[in-house]
C-alpha atoms as a PDB file:
ATOM      1  CA  MET A   1      27.003 -29.955 -11.323  1.00  0.00           C
ATOM      2  CA  PRO A   2      23.374 -30.905 -10.224  1.00  0.00           C
ATOM      3  CA  ALA A   3      20.196 -28.029 -11.546  1.00  0.00           C
ATOM      4  CA  GLU A   4      18.629 -26.490  -8.354  1.00  0.00           C
ATOM      5  CA  ALA A   5      15.419 -28.340  -7.217  1.00  0.00           C
ATOM      6  CA  SER A   6      12.092 -26.378  -7.416  1.00  0.00           C
ATOM      7  CA  PRO A   7      10.006 -24.897  -5.062  1.00  0.00           C
ATOM      8  CA  ARG A   8       7.502 -27.941  -6.193  1.00  0.00           C
ATOM      9  CA  SER A   9       9.977 -30.564  -5.248  1.00  0.00           C
ATOM     10  CA  LEU A  10      11.472 -29.216  -2.006  1.00  0.00           C
ATOM     11  CA  GLU A  11       7.783 -29.313  -0.987  1.00  0.00           C
ATOM     12  CA  ILE A  12       6.877 -32.358  -1.779  1.00  0.00           C
ATOM     13  CA  ALA A  13      10.317 -33.296  -0.068  1.00  0.00           C
ATOM     14  CA  ARG A  14       9.269 -31.652   3.112  1.00  0.00           C
ATOM     15  CA  GLN A  15       5.327 -33.073   3.098  1.00  0.00           C
ATOM     16  CA  ARG A  16       6.677 -36.517   2.426  1.00  0.00           C
ATOM     17  CA  ARG A  17       9.052 -36.171   5.442  1.00  0.00           C
ATOM     18  CA  MET A  18       6.662 -34.649   7.971  1.00  0.00           C
ATOM     19  CA  GLY A  19       4.107 -37.366   6.626  1.00  0.00           C
ATOM     20  CA  LEU A  20       6.747 -40.537   7.378  1.00  0.00           C
ATOM     21  CA  ARG A  21       7.558 -38.527  11.141  1.00  0.00           C
ATOM     22  CA  VAL A  22       3.772 -38.847  11.595  1.00  0.00           C
ATOM     23  CA  ALA A  23       3.223 -42.530  11.010  1.00  0.00           C
ATOM     24  CA  LEU A  24       6.327 -43.466  13.237  1.00  0.00           C
ATOM     25  CA  ALA A  25       5.331 -41.377  15.987  1.00  0.00           C
ATOM     26  CA  VAL A  26       1.415 -43.099  15.892  1.00  0.00           C
ATOM     27  CA  ALA A  27       2.299 -46.433  15.152  1.00  0.00           C
ATOM     28  CA  ILE A  28       5.354 -46.423  17.977  1.00  0.00           C
ATOM     29  CA  GLY A  29       3.170 -44.429  20.483  1.00  0.00           C
ATOM     30  CA  LEU A  30      -0.056 -46.622  19.389  1.00  0.00           C
ATOM     31  CA  SER A  31       1.851 -49.771  19.843  1.00  0.00           C
ATOM     32  CA  PHE A  32       3.505 -49.305  23.285  1.00  0.00           C
ATOM     33  CA  GLY A  33       0.348 -48.191  24.458  1.00  0.00           C
ATOM     34  CA  ILE A  34      -1.545 -50.756  23.656  1.00  0.00           C
ATOM     35  CA  GLY A  35       1.304 -52.691  24.849  1.00  0.00           C
ATOM     36  CA  SER A  36       1.892 -51.540  27.830  1.00  0.00           C
ATOM     37  CA  GLY A  37      -1.951 -51.818  28.827  1.00  0.00           C
ATOM     38  CA  ALA A  38      -2.257 -47.865  28.548  1.00  0.00           C
ATOM     39  CA  VAL A  39      -5.991 -46.570  30.005  1.00  0.00           C
ATOM     40  CA  ILE A  40      -6.027 -44.017  27.087  1.00  0.00           C
ATOM     41  CA  PRO A  41      -3.962 -45.391  24.112  1.00  0.00           C
ATOM     42  CA  PHE A  42      -5.090 -42.803  22.051  1.00  0.00           C
ATOM     43  CA  LEU A  43      -3.607 -39.906  23.677  1.00  0.00           C
ATOM     44  CA  GLY A  44       0.475 -39.374  23.175  1.00  0.00           C
ATOM     45  CA  PRO A  45      -0.113 -40.486  19.137  1.00  0.00           C
ATOM     46  CA  LEU A  46      -3.078 -37.839  18.964  1.00  0.00           C
ATOM     47  CA  PHE A  47      -1.014 -35.074  20.675  1.00  0.00           C
ATOM     48  CA  ALA A  48       2.515 -36.292  18.563  1.00  0.00           C
ATOM     49  CA  ALA A  49       0.781 -35.673  15.456  1.00  0.00           C
ATOM     50  CA  GLN A  50      -0.894 -32.322  16.329  1.00  0.00           C
ATOM     51  CA  PHE A  51       2.756 -31.354  17.340  1.00  0.00           C
ATOM     52  CA  LEU A  52       4.658 -32.878  14.379  1.00  0.00           C
ATOM     53  CA  LEU A  53       1.741 -30.642  12.042  1.00  0.00           C
ATOM     54  CA  GLY A  54       2.402 -27.643  13.550  1.00  0.00           C
ATOM     55  CA  GLY A  55       5.592 -27.089  11.828  1.00  0.00           C
ATOM     56  CA  ALA A  56       8.763 -28.669   9.994  1.00  0.00           C
ATOM     57  CA  ARG A  57      10.873 -28.259  13.421  1.00  0.00           C
ATOM     58  CA  PRO A  58      11.161 -29.415  16.309  1.00  0.00           C
ATOM     59  CA  LEU A  59       8.780 -28.525  19.367  1.00  0.00           C
ATOM     60  CA  PRO A  60      11.080 -26.024  21.341  1.00  0.00           C
ATOM     61  CA  LEU A  61      11.731 -27.278  25.048  1.00  0.00           C
ATOM     62  CA  ALA A  62      10.012 -23.667  26.561  1.00  0.00           C
ATOM     63  CA  LYS A  63       6.606 -24.085  24.043  1.00  0.00           C
ATOM     64  CA  ALA A  64       6.720 -28.210  24.789  1.00  0.00           C
ATOM     65  CA  MET A  65       7.023 -27.206  28.331  1.00  0.00           C
ATOM     66  CA  GLY A  66       4.289 -24.471  28.224  1.00  0.00           C
ATOM     67  CA  THR A  67       2.249 -27.129  26.181  1.00  0.00           C
ATOM     68  CA  VAL A  68       2.196 -29.902  28.743  1.00  0.00           C
ATOM     69  CA  GLY A  69       1.350 -27.135  31.385  1.00  0.00           C
ATOM     70  CA  LEU A  70      -1.426 -25.902  29.808  1.00  0.00           C
ATOM     71  CA  ILE A  71      -2.568 -29.759  29.002  1.00  0.00           C
ATOM     72  CA  LEU A  72      -2.408 -30.256  33.085  1.00  0.00           C
ATOM     73  CA  LEU A  73      -3.823 -26.787  33.965  1.00  0.00           C
ATOM     74  CA  ALA A  74      -7.148 -27.498  31.484  1.00  0.00           C
ATOM     75  CA  GLY A  75      -7.488 -31.123  32.770  1.00  0.00           C
ATOM     76  CA  GLN A  76      -7.116 -30.286  36.351  1.00  0.00           C
ATOM     77  CA  PHE A  77     -10.016 -27.778  36.000  1.00  0.00           C
ATOM     78  CA  PHE A  78     -12.257 -30.165  34.281  1.00  0.00           C
ATOM     79  CA  ILE A  79     -11.907 -32.490  36.825  1.00  0.00           C
ATOM     80  CA  VAL A  80     -12.334 -29.891  39.876  1.00  0.00           C
ATOM     81  CA  MET A  81     -15.632 -28.901  37.746  1.00  0.00           C
ATOM     82  CA  VAL A  82     -16.613 -32.424  36.889  1.00  0.00           C
ATOM     83  CA  GLY A  83     -15.874 -32.937  41.247  1.00  0.00           C
ATOM     84  CA  ILE A  84     -18.435 -29.594  42.171  1.00  0.00           C
ATOM     85  CA  PHE A  85     -21.018 -29.969  39.295  1.00  0.00           C
ATOM     86  CA  GLY A  86     -20.880 -33.596  38.791  1.00  0.00           C
ATOM     87  CA  GLY A  87     -24.114 -34.089  40.539  1.00  0.00           C
ATOM     88  CA  ARG A  88     -25.804 -30.958  38.625  1.00  0.00           C
ATOM     89  CA  PRO A  89     -25.118 -31.212  34.844  1.00  0.00           C
ATOM     90  CA  VAL A  90     -26.849 -27.920  33.897  1.00  0.00           C
ATOM     91  CA  GLN A  91     -24.564 -25.591  35.290  1.00  0.00           C
ATOM     92  CA  MET A  92     -21.795 -28.426  34.536  1.00  0.00           C
ATOM     93  CA  LEU A  93     -22.923 -27.874  30.821  1.00  0.00           C
ATOM     94  CA  ILE A  94     -23.098 -24.237  31.383  1.00  0.00           C
ATOM     95  CA  LEU A  95     -19.064 -23.718  32.523  1.00  0.00           C
ATOM     96  CA  LEU A  96     -18.389 -26.417  29.477  1.00  0.00           C
ATOM     97  CA  GLY A  97     -20.427 -24.245  27.121  1.00  0.00           C
ATOM     98  CA  LEU A  98     -18.029 -21.116  28.310  1.00  0.00           C
ATOM     99  CA  PHE A  99     -15.317 -22.957  28.090  1.00  0.00           C
ATOM    100  CA  PHE A 100     -16.516 -24.009  24.162  1.00  0.00           C
ATOM    101  CA  PHE A 101     -17.383 -20.333  23.656  1.00  0.00           C
ATOM    102  CA  LEU A 102     -13.734 -18.854  23.931  1.00  0.00           C
ATOM    103  CA  CYS A 103     -12.359 -21.612  21.944  1.00  0.00           C
ATOM    104  CA  PHE A 104     -14.717 -21.185  18.702  1.00  0.00           C
ATOM    105  CA  PHE A 105     -14.572 -17.273  19.254  1.00  0.00           C
ATOM    106  CA  LEU A 106     -10.395 -17.734  19.325  1.00  0.00           C
ATOM    107  CA  GLN A 107     -10.755 -19.834  16.257  1.00  0.00           C
ATOM    108  CA  ALA A 108     -13.547 -17.637  14.315  1.00  0.00           C
ATOM    109  CA  GLN A 109     -10.762 -14.533  14.815  1.00  0.00           C
ATOM    110  CA  GLY A 110      -8.123 -17.089  13.312  1.00  0.00           C
ATOM    111  CA  LYS A 111      -6.359 -17.068  16.499  1.00  0.00           C
ATOM    112  CA  GLY A 112      -5.022 -20.156  18.597  1.00  0.00           C
ATOM    113  CA  GLY A 113      -4.008 -22.057  15.887  1.00  0.00           C
ATOM    114  CA  PRO A 114      -3.640 -26.183  17.257  1.00  0.00           C
ATOM    115  CA  ALA A 115      -3.952 -25.324  20.911  1.00  0.00           C
ATOM    116  CA  ILE A 116      -7.788 -24.852  19.962  1.00  0.00           C
ATOM    117  CA  PHE A 117      -8.180 -28.324  19.532  1.00  0.00           C
ATOM    118  CA  LEU A 118      -6.119 -29.973  22.198  1.00  0.00           C
ATOM    119  CA  SER A 119      -8.784 -27.514  24.727  1.00  0.00           C
ATOM    120  CA  LEU A 120     -11.882 -28.892  23.034  1.00  0.00           C
ATOM    121  CA  VAL A 121     -10.478 -32.565  23.015  1.00  0.00           C
ATOM    122  CA  ILE A 122      -9.439 -32.484  26.831  1.00  0.00           C
ATOM    123  CA  SER A 123     -12.432 -30.750  27.535  1.00  0.00           C
ATOM    124  CA  VAL A 124     -14.936 -33.506  26.288  1.00  0.00           C
ATOM    125  CA  MET A 125     -12.585 -36.002  27.257  1.00  0.00           C
ATOM    126  CA  VAL A 126     -12.067 -35.893  31.085  1.00  0.00           C
ATOM    127  CA  PRO A 127     -15.364 -34.880  31.794  1.00  0.00           C
ATOM    128  CA  LEU A 128     -16.869 -37.688  30.339  1.00  0.00           C
ATOM    129  CA  LEU A 129     -14.448 -40.491  31.567  1.00  0.00           C
ATOM    130  CA  ASP A 130     -14.618 -38.460  35.007  1.00  0.00           C
ATOM    131  CA  LEU A 131     -18.084 -39.198  34.887  1.00  0.00           C
ATOM    132  CA  LEU A 132     -18.556 -42.468  33.431  1.00  0.00           C
ATOM    133  CA  HIS A 133     -15.769 -43.942  35.115  1.00  0.00           C
ATOM    134  CA  GLY A 134     -15.521 -42.461  38.841  1.00  0.00           C
ATOM    135  CA  ASP A 135     -12.134 -44.037  39.772  1.00  0.00           C
ATOM    136  CA  LEU A 136     -10.117 -42.449  36.808  1.00  0.00           C
ATOM    137  CA  ASP A 137     -10.479 -39.286  38.650  1.00  0.00           C
ATOM    138  CA  GLN A 138      -7.126 -39.382  40.789  1.00  0.00           C
ATOM    139  CA  SER A 139      -5.375 -40.514  37.615  1.00  0.00           C
ATOM    140  CA  MET A 140      -7.034 -38.561  35.415  1.00  0.00           C
ATOM    141  CA  ILE A 141      -3.815 -36.190  35.599  1.00  0.00           C
ATOM    142  CA  MET A 142      -1.359 -38.482  35.315  1.00  0.00           C
ATOM    143  CA  ILE A 143      -2.934 -39.979  32.349  1.00  0.00           C
ATOM    144  CA  LEU A 144      -3.054 -36.663  30.666  1.00  0.00           C
ATOM    145  CA  PHE A 145       0.725 -35.661  31.969  1.00  0.00           C
ATOM    146  CA  GLN A 146       2.083 -39.336  30.498  1.00  0.00           C
ATOM    147  CA  GLY A 147       0.236 -38.336  27.037  1.00  0.00           C
ATOM    148  CA  SER A 148       0.954 -34.954  26.730  1.00  0.00           C
ATOM    149  CA  VAL A 149       5.109 -35.844  27.771  1.00  0.00           C
ATOM    150  CA  GLY A 150       4.863 -38.833  25.741  1.00  0.00           C
ATOM    151  CA  GLY A 151       3.103 -36.921  22.708  1.00  0.00           C
ATOM    152  CA  VAL A 152       6.086 -34.258  23.376  1.00  0.00           C
ATOM    153  CA  VAL A 153       8.735 -37.453  23.070  1.00  0.00           C
ATOM    154  CA  LEU A 154       7.360 -38.932  20.080  1.00  0.00           C
ATOM    155  CA  SER A 155       7.759 -35.964  18.170  1.00  0.00           C
ATOM    156  CA  TRP A 156      11.096 -35.440  19.074  1.00  0.00           C
ATOM    157  CA  LEU A 157      11.928 -38.660  18.298  1.00  0.00           C
ATOM    158  CA  ALA A 158      10.097 -38.962  14.860  1.00  0.00           C
ATOM    159  CA  HIS A 159      12.634 -35.545  14.021  1.00  0.00           C
ATOM    160  CA  ALA A 160      15.267 -37.438  15.425  1.00  0.00           C
ATOM    161  CA  ALA A 161      14.897 -40.355  13.589  1.00  0.00           C
ATOM    162  CA  VAL A 162      13.546 -38.433   9.963  1.00  0.00           C
ATOM    163  CA  PRO A 163      15.332 -34.948  10.504  1.00  0.00           C
ATOM    164  CA  GLU A 164      15.539 -31.267   8.589  1.00  0.00           C
ATOM    165  CA  PRO A 165      17.972 -30.671   6.215  1.00  0.00           C
ATOM    166  CA  ALA A 166      19.922 -28.488   7.540  1.00  0.00           C
ATOM    167  CA  GLY A 167      19.321 -24.858   6.464  1.00  0.00           C
ATOM    168  CA  ALA A 168      15.928 -25.655   5.021  1.00  0.00           C
ATOM    169  CA  ALA A 169      13.217 -22.876   5.773  1.00  0.00           C
ATOM    170  CA  ASP A 170      10.100 -24.310   8.106  1.00  0.00           C
ATOM    171  CA  LYS A 171       7.112 -24.152   5.884  1.00  0.00           C
ATOM    172  CA  LEU A 172       4.349 -22.407   8.150  1.00  0.00           C
ATOM    173  CA  PRO A 173       1.179 -24.040   8.463  1.00  0.00           C
ATOM    174  CA  PRO A 174      -1.563 -22.555   5.904  1.00  0.00           C
ATOM    175  CA  GLN A 175      -3.021 -19.328   7.321  1.00  0.00           C
ATOM    176  CA  ALA A 176      -6.124 -19.341   9.585  1.00  0.00           C
ATOM    177  CA  VAL A 177      -9.567 -17.296   8.115  1.00  0.00           C
ATOM    178  CA  ALA A 178     -11.221 -14.692  10.230  1.00  0.00           C
ATOM    179  CA  LEU A 179     -14.649 -14.129  10.383  1.00  0.00           C
ATOM    180  CA  SER A 180     -16.274 -10.896  10.189  1.00  0.00           C
ATOM    181  CA  ASN A 181     -19.096 -12.055  12.567  1.00  0.00           C
ATOM    182  CA  PRO A 182     -16.873 -14.277  15.032  1.00  0.00           C
ATOM    183  CA  THR A 183     -18.978 -14.108  18.156  1.00  0.00           C
ATOM    184  CA  ALA A 184     -22.207 -15.570  15.831  1.00  0.00           C
ATOM    185  CA  ARG A 185     -19.500 -18.206  14.512  1.00  0.00           C
ATOM    186  CA  ALA A 186     -18.831 -18.773  18.076  1.00  0.00           C
ATOM    187  CA  LEU A 187     -22.263 -19.226  18.942  1.00  0.00           C
ATOM    188  CA  ALA A 188     -23.164 -21.805  16.480  1.00  0.00           C
ATOM    189  CA  ASN A 189     -20.558 -24.297  17.392  1.00  0.00           C
ATOM    190  CA  THR A 190     -20.869 -24.197  21.006  1.00  0.00           C
ATOM    191  CA  ALA A 191     -24.268 -24.697  20.580  1.00  0.00           C
ATOM    192  CA  ILE A 192     -24.025 -27.523  18.291  1.00  0.00           C
ATOM    193  CA  LEU A 193     -20.470 -29.442  20.393  1.00  0.00           C
ATOM    194  CA  LEU A 194     -23.145 -28.813  23.545  1.00  0.00           C
ATOM    195  CA  GLY A 195     -26.152 -30.418  22.330  1.00  0.00           C
ATOM    196  CA  SER A 196     -23.125 -33.889  21.490  1.00  0.00           C
ATOM    197  CA  VAL A 197     -21.834 -33.428  24.980  1.00  0.00           C
ATOM    198  CA  THR A 198     -25.807 -33.584  26.517  1.00  0.00           C
ATOM    199  CA  LEU A 199     -26.027 -36.820  24.287  1.00  0.00           C
ATOM    200  CA  CYS A 200     -23.259 -38.619  26.293  1.00  0.00           C
ATOM    201  CA  LEU A 201     -23.996 -36.741  29.483  1.00  0.00           C
ATOM    202  CA  THR A 202     -28.340 -37.448  29.192  1.00  0.00           C
ATOM    203  CA  ASN A 203     -28.132 -41.083  27.260  1.00  0.00           C
ATOM    204  CA  SER A 204     -26.492 -44.329  28.721  1.00  0.00           C
ATOM    205  CA  ALA A 205     -26.435 -45.569  25.086  1.00  0.00           C
ATOM    206  CA  PHE A 206     -24.073 -42.781  24.368  1.00  0.00           C
ATOM    207  CA  SER A 207     -22.346 -42.534  27.803  1.00  0.00           C
ATOM    208  CA  SER A 208     -19.289 -43.831  26.226  1.00  0.00           C
ATOM    209  CA  ALA A 209     -18.922 -42.470  23.102  1.00  0.00           C
ATOM    210  CA  ILE A 210     -16.237 -40.065  23.235  1.00  0.00           C
ATOM    211  CA  VAL A 211     -15.721 -40.211  19.852  1.00  0.00           C
ATOM    212  CA  ILE A 212     -18.929 -38.429  19.109  1.00  0.00           C
ATOM    213  CA  PRO A 213     -17.982 -35.163  20.202  1.00  0.00           C
ATOM    214  CA  ILE A 214     -14.547 -34.944  19.641  1.00  0.00           C
ATOM    215  CA  THR A 215     -15.592 -35.768  15.532  1.00  0.00           C
ATOM    216  CA  VAL A 216     -17.792 -32.733  16.252  1.00  0.00           C
ATOM    217  CA  SER A 217     -15.700 -30.695  17.041  1.00  0.00           C
ATOM    218  CA  SER A 218     -13.260 -31.452  14.612  1.00  0.00           C
ATOM    219  CA  LEU A 219     -15.620 -31.375  11.540  1.00  0.00           C
ATOM    220  CA  LEU A 220     -16.828 -27.892  13.261  1.00  0.00           C
ATOM    221  CA  LEU A 221     -12.586 -26.686  12.985  1.00  0.00           C
ATOM    222  CA  GLN A 222     -13.124 -28.240   9.454  1.00  0.00           C
ATOM    223  CA  LEU A 223     -16.015 -27.108   7.591  1.00  0.00           C
ATOM    224  CA  ASP A 224     -14.725 -23.511   7.504  1.00  0.00           C
ATOM    225  CA  LEU A 225     -12.297 -24.439   4.823  1.00  0.00           C
ATOM    226  CA  ALA A 226     -14.996 -26.397   2.746  1.00  0.00           C
ATOM    227  CA  GLY A 227     -15.912 -23.098   0.279  1.00  0.00           C
ATOM    228  CA  GLY A 228     -18.877 -25.414  -1.303  1.00  0.00           C
ATOM    229  CA  ALA A 229     -20.977 -28.344  -1.182  1.00  0.00           C
ATOM    230  CA  ARG A 230     -18.351 -30.200  -2.870  1.00  0.00           C
ATOM    231  CA  ALA A 231     -15.204 -29.396  -0.866  1.00  0.00           C
ATOM    232  CA  ALA A 232     -17.892 -30.339   1.926  1.00  0.00           C
ATOM    233  CA  LEU A 233     -18.690 -33.293   0.322  1.00  0.00           C
ATOM    234  CA  GLY A 234     -15.359 -34.189   0.299  1.00  0.00           C
ATOM    235  CA  LEU A 235     -14.581 -33.286   3.765  1.00  0.00           C
ATOM    236  CA  VAL A 236     -17.017 -35.713   4.845  1.00  0.00           C
ATOM    237  CA  ALA A 237     -15.609 -38.837   2.589  1.00  0.00           C
ATOM    238  CA  VAL A 238     -11.886 -37.645   4.012  1.00  0.00           C
ATOM    239  CA  ASN A 239     -13.185 -38.298   7.493  1.00  0.00           C
ATOM    240  CA  LEU A 240     -15.246 -41.191   6.525  1.00  0.00           C
ATOM    241  CA  LEU A 241     -12.487 -43.067   5.126  1.00  0.00           C
ATOM    242  CA  GLY A 242     -10.394 -42.497   8.828  1.00  0.00           C
ATOM    243  CA  GLY A 243     -13.201 -44.771  10.618  1.00  0.00           C
ATOM    244  CA  VAL A 244     -13.211 -46.881   7.132  1.00  0.00           C
ATOM    245  CA  LEU A 245      -9.587 -47.403   7.761  1.00  0.00           C
ATOM    246  CA  ALA A 246      -9.759 -48.039  11.647  1.00  0.00           C
ATOM    247  CA  SER A 247     -12.419 -50.680  10.973  1.00  0.00           C
ATOM    248  CA  LEU A 248     -10.296 -53.064   8.538  1.00  0.00           C
ATOM    249  CA  ALA A 249      -7.288 -52.613  10.653  1.00  0.00           C
ATOM    250  CA  PHE A 250      -9.578 -53.466  13.813  1.00  0.00           C
ATOM    251  CA  THR A 251     -10.760 -56.547  11.973  1.00  0.00           C
ATOM    252  CA  PHE A 252      -7.229 -57.804  10.888  1.00  0.00           C
ATOM    253  CA  LEU A 253      -5.586 -57.227  14.529  1.00  0.00           C
ATOM    254  CA  GLU A 254      -8.980 -59.535  15.992  1.00  0.00           C
ATOM    255  CA  ILE A 255      -7.942 -62.306  13.473  1.00  0.00           C
ATOM    256  CA  ARG A 256      -4.386 -61.750  14.367  1.00  0.00           C
ATOM    257  CA  PRO A 257      -3.334 -60.130  17.000  1.00  0.00           C
ATOM    258  CA  SER A 258      -0.110 -58.758  17.243  1.00  0.00           C
ATOM    259  CA  LEU A 259       1.807 -55.643  18.389  1.00  0.00           C
ATOM    260  CA  VAL A 260       4.328 -55.998  15.136  1.00  0.00           C
ATOM    261  CA  LEU A 261       0.905 -55.863  13.020  1.00  0.00           C
ATOM    262  CA  LEU A 262      -0.238 -53.181  15.190  1.00  0.00           C
ATOM    263  CA  PHE A 263       3.114 -50.929  13.911  1.00  0.00           C
ATOM    264  CA  PHE A 264       2.993 -51.784  10.738  1.00  0.00           C
ATOM    265  CA  THR A 265      -0.682 -51.380  10.002  1.00  0.00           C
ATOM    266  CA  THR A 266      -0.627 -47.800  11.936  1.00  0.00           C
ATOM    267  CA  LEU A 267       2.345 -47.078  10.444  1.00  0.00           C
ATOM    268  CA  LEU A 268       0.704 -47.535   6.630  1.00  0.00           C
ATOM    269  CA  VAL A 269      -2.347 -45.564   7.366  1.00  0.00           C
ATOM    270  CA  GLY A 270      -0.112 -42.882   9.121  1.00  0.00           C
ATOM    271  CA  LEU A 271       1.664 -42.916   5.710  1.00  0.00           C
ATOM    272  CA  ILE A 272      -1.488 -42.729   3.833  1.00  0.00           C
ATOM    273  CA  LEU A 273      -3.066 -39.815   6.440  1.00  0.00           C
ATOM    274  CA  GLY A 274      -0.046 -38.437   7.377  1.00  0.00           C
ATOM    275  CA  GLY A 275       1.368 -37.601   4.023  1.00  0.00           C
ATOM    276  CA  ARG A 276      -1.188 -35.785   3.340  1.00  0.00           C
ATOM    277  CA  ALA A 277      -2.261 -33.936   6.691  1.00  0.00           C
ATOM    278  CA  ALA A 278       1.299 -31.895   5.992  1.00  0.00           C
ATOM    279  CA  MET A 279      -0.023 -30.967   3.025  1.00  0.00           C
ATOM    280  CA  ALA A 280       0.296 -26.888   3.342  1.00  0.00           C
ATOM    281  CA  SER A 281      -3.371 -26.280   2.383  1.00  0.00           C
ATOM    282  CA  PRO A 282      -6.077 -26.522   3.990  1.00  0.00           C
ATOM    283  CA  LEU A 283      -7.015 -29.930   2.401  1.00  0.00           C
ATOM    284  CA  GLY A 284      -3.787 -30.892   4.851  1.00  0.00           C
ATOM    285  CA  LYS A 285      -6.050 -30.166   8.055  1.00  0.00           C
ATOM    286  CA  VAL A 286      -9.172 -32.646   6.679  1.00  0.00           C
ATOM    287  CA  TYR A 287      -6.498 -35.164   6.313  1.00  0.00           C
ATOM    288  CA  GLY A 288      -5.114 -34.632   9.581  1.00  0.00           C
ATOM    289  CA  GLY A 289      -8.947 -34.700  10.861  1.00  0.00           C
ATOM    290  CA  ALA A 290      -8.938 -38.514   9.493  1.00  0.00           C
ATOM    291  CA  LEU A 291      -6.099 -39.322  11.173  1.00  0.00           C
ATOM    292  CA  THR A 292      -8.028 -38.199  14.007  1.00  0.00           C
ATOM    293  CA  THR A 293     -10.778 -39.885  13.621  1.00  0.00           C
ATOM    294  CA  PHE A 294      -8.574 -43.253  12.880  1.00  0.00           C
ATOM    295  CA  LEU A 295      -6.758 -42.601  15.991  1.00  0.00           C
ATOM    296  CA  ILE A 296      -9.393 -42.362  18.652  1.00  0.00           C
ATOM    297  CA  LEU A 297     -11.582 -45.139  16.972  1.00  0.00           C
ATOM    298  CA  LEU A 298      -9.050 -48.342  16.994  1.00  0.00           C
ATOM    299  CA  GLY A 299      -6.955 -46.188  20.324  1.00  0.00           C
ATOM    300  CA  THR A 300     -10.515 -47.110  22.041  1.00  0.00           C
ATOM    301  CA  GLY A 301     -11.579 -50.669  20.225  1.00  0.00           C
ATOM    302  CA  LEU A 302      -8.078 -52.030  21.867  1.00  0.00           C
ATOM    303  CA  SER A 303      -8.277 -49.771  24.782  1.00  0.00           C
ATOM    304  CA  PRO A 304      -8.606 -51.773  28.010  1.00  0.00           C
ATOM    305  CA  LEU A 305     -10.560 -49.343  29.536  1.00  0.00           C
ATOM    306  CA  PRO A 306     -14.064 -50.862  30.671  1.00  0.00           C
ATOM    307  CA  THR A 307     -17.343 -49.471  28.965  1.00  0.00           C
ATOM    308  CA  SER A 308     -20.358 -49.109  31.061  1.00  0.00           C
ATOM    309  CA  THR A 309     -22.356 -51.140  27.914  1.00  0.00           C
ATOM    310  CA  PRO A 310     -21.379 -53.775  25.853  1.00  0.00           C
ATOM    311  CA  GLU A 311     -19.934 -51.968  22.358  1.00  0.00           C
ATOM    312  CA  SER A 312     -18.617 -53.975  19.008  1.00  0.00           C
ATOM    313  CA  PHE A 313     -16.287 -52.024  17.024  1.00  0.00           C
ATOM    314  CA  SER A 314     -18.979 -51.458  14.111  1.00  0.00           C
ATOM    315  CA  THR A 315     -20.843 -49.629  16.823  1.00  0.00           C
ATOM    316  CA  ARG A 316     -18.137 -46.996  17.340  1.00  0.00           C
ATOM    317  CA  VAL A 317     -17.700 -46.874  13.016  1.00  0.00           C
ATOM    318  CA  PHE A 318     -21.166 -46.046  13.474  1.00  0.00           C
ATOM    319  CA  TYR A 319     -20.715 -42.919  16.139  1.00  0.00           C
ATOM    320  CA  VAL A 320     -18.628 -41.431  13.639  1.00  0.00           C
ATOM    321  CA  LEU A 321     -21.412 -41.634  11.109  1.00  0.00           C
ATOM    322  CA  LEU A 322     -23.411 -40.567  13.447  1.00  0.00           C
ATOM    323  CA  ALA A 323     -21.880 -37.451  14.151  1.00  0.00           C
ATOM    324  CA  ILE A 324     -20.601 -36.118  11.050  1.00  0.00           C
ATOM    325  CA  ALA A 325     -24.768 -36.400   9.792  1.00  0.00           C
ATOM    326  CA  TYR A 326     -24.964 -33.959  12.866  1.00  0.00           C
ATOM    327  CA  ALA A 327     -22.460 -31.683  12.049  1.00  0.00           C
ATOM    328  CA  LEU A 328     -23.236 -31.498   8.927  1.00  0.00           C
ATOM    329  CA  CYS A 329     -27.307 -30.769   9.404  1.00  0.00           C
ATOM    330  CA  ALA A 330     -26.617 -28.599  12.566  1.00  0.00           C
ATOM    331  CA  THR A 331     -24.172 -26.039  10.954  1.00  0.00           C
ATOM    332  CA  ALA A 332     -26.042 -26.168   7.612  1.00  0.00           C
ATOM    333  CA  LEU A 333     -29.076 -25.060  10.104  1.00  0.00           C
ATOM    334  CA  LEU A 334     -27.256 -22.878  12.914  1.00  0.00           C
ATOM    335  CA  TRP A 335     -24.638 -20.986  10.441  1.00  0.00           C
ATOM    336  CA  SER A 336     -24.963 -17.757   8.656  1.00  0.00           C
ATOM    337  CA  ARG A 337     -22.807 -17.774   5.699  1.00  0.00           C
ATOM    338  CA  ALA A 338     -20.538 -14.460   7.442  1.00  0.00           C
ATOM    339  CA  PRO A 339     -17.854 -13.486   4.885  1.00  0.00           C
ATOM    340  CA  VAL A 340     -14.063 -13.716   5.267  1.00  0.00           C
ATOM    341  CA  GLN A 341     -12.821 -11.142   6.354  1.00  0.00           C
ATOM    342  CA  ARG A 342      -9.290 -11.713   6.251  1.00  0.00           C
ATOM    343  CA  ARG A 343      -6.437 -13.939   6.789  1.00  0.00           C
ATOM    344  CA  VAL A 344      -4.479 -13.732   9.853  1.00  0.00           C
ATOM    345  CA  SER A 345      -1.345 -16.215  10.695  1.00  0.00           C
ATOM    346  CA  SER A 346      -2.223 -19.328  12.487  1.00  0.00           C
ATOM    347  CA  GLN A 347       0.131 -19.178  15.185  1.00  0.00           C
ATOM    348  CA  GLY A 348      -1.738 -16.258  15.996  1.00  0.00           C
END
């Protein structure tokens, strides 16, 4: 009679299953997006990775519909906002700042979960792309719809391919950290993210560099997990790893462009980063950020979307380096080291 599996072996098996689901979803999603000529091919895989890393069980239909509805509602709000305040950047930045503050305030209270990052991605991506490519105004909602529904479908397909064993307990994500002074932290994070968005809006050299504010927002949500200088250094190294892997993947695909090569390259990176992102520890969130960086860099590098100025892939990698350096310096200056007050469920 076989011995009962130890809790550690069960945890490793759970992590491998989640990592394999993430790898399959991002590989299929990015390959399909590039092959079909999607304008923003990384959107569906990015959403799918967030859904899969949120828990070991498939996304319930009601929650999936609510998530898609929230994404479309947020997207429509920012499209209308750009239409009204596109020629008045000060007013638009004020409204963006209010939205950023709400997101970061909820996060500083340990609430919101993965919805915080998805909301920040939409609030950054939609205004910047809408201003840079005015012809996307009418199709932006359809792009968000396809991306969000595609993310849900990819997550369901991944669960169908790698199902969770019957009776296995769903391991909840690590508990979120609530700060004793969430208002101060939210104001600091808002100022930092708004600074990166302002750079993209006011400097033509960075007008298409959406990877900068998205990387900054991802880092701001991760840096709370760093308990010291060594942990922060490790966090930076892991995020840089996402950029390095994207650069290597892009080089291979430039030499030999092929959807098959794209699939297996993305699958390999998904296994490397996705498996670690599935860890039930704060470090898992850091590897999830590295996977986000990889998808955005590679997706924008292969996207058919034209930019206002020619950009090499090395330029985009430089944007990631700039975003990391900016986020670290800004948090060192603006963050007050408020003590942690309590831990609350990340589902809150």
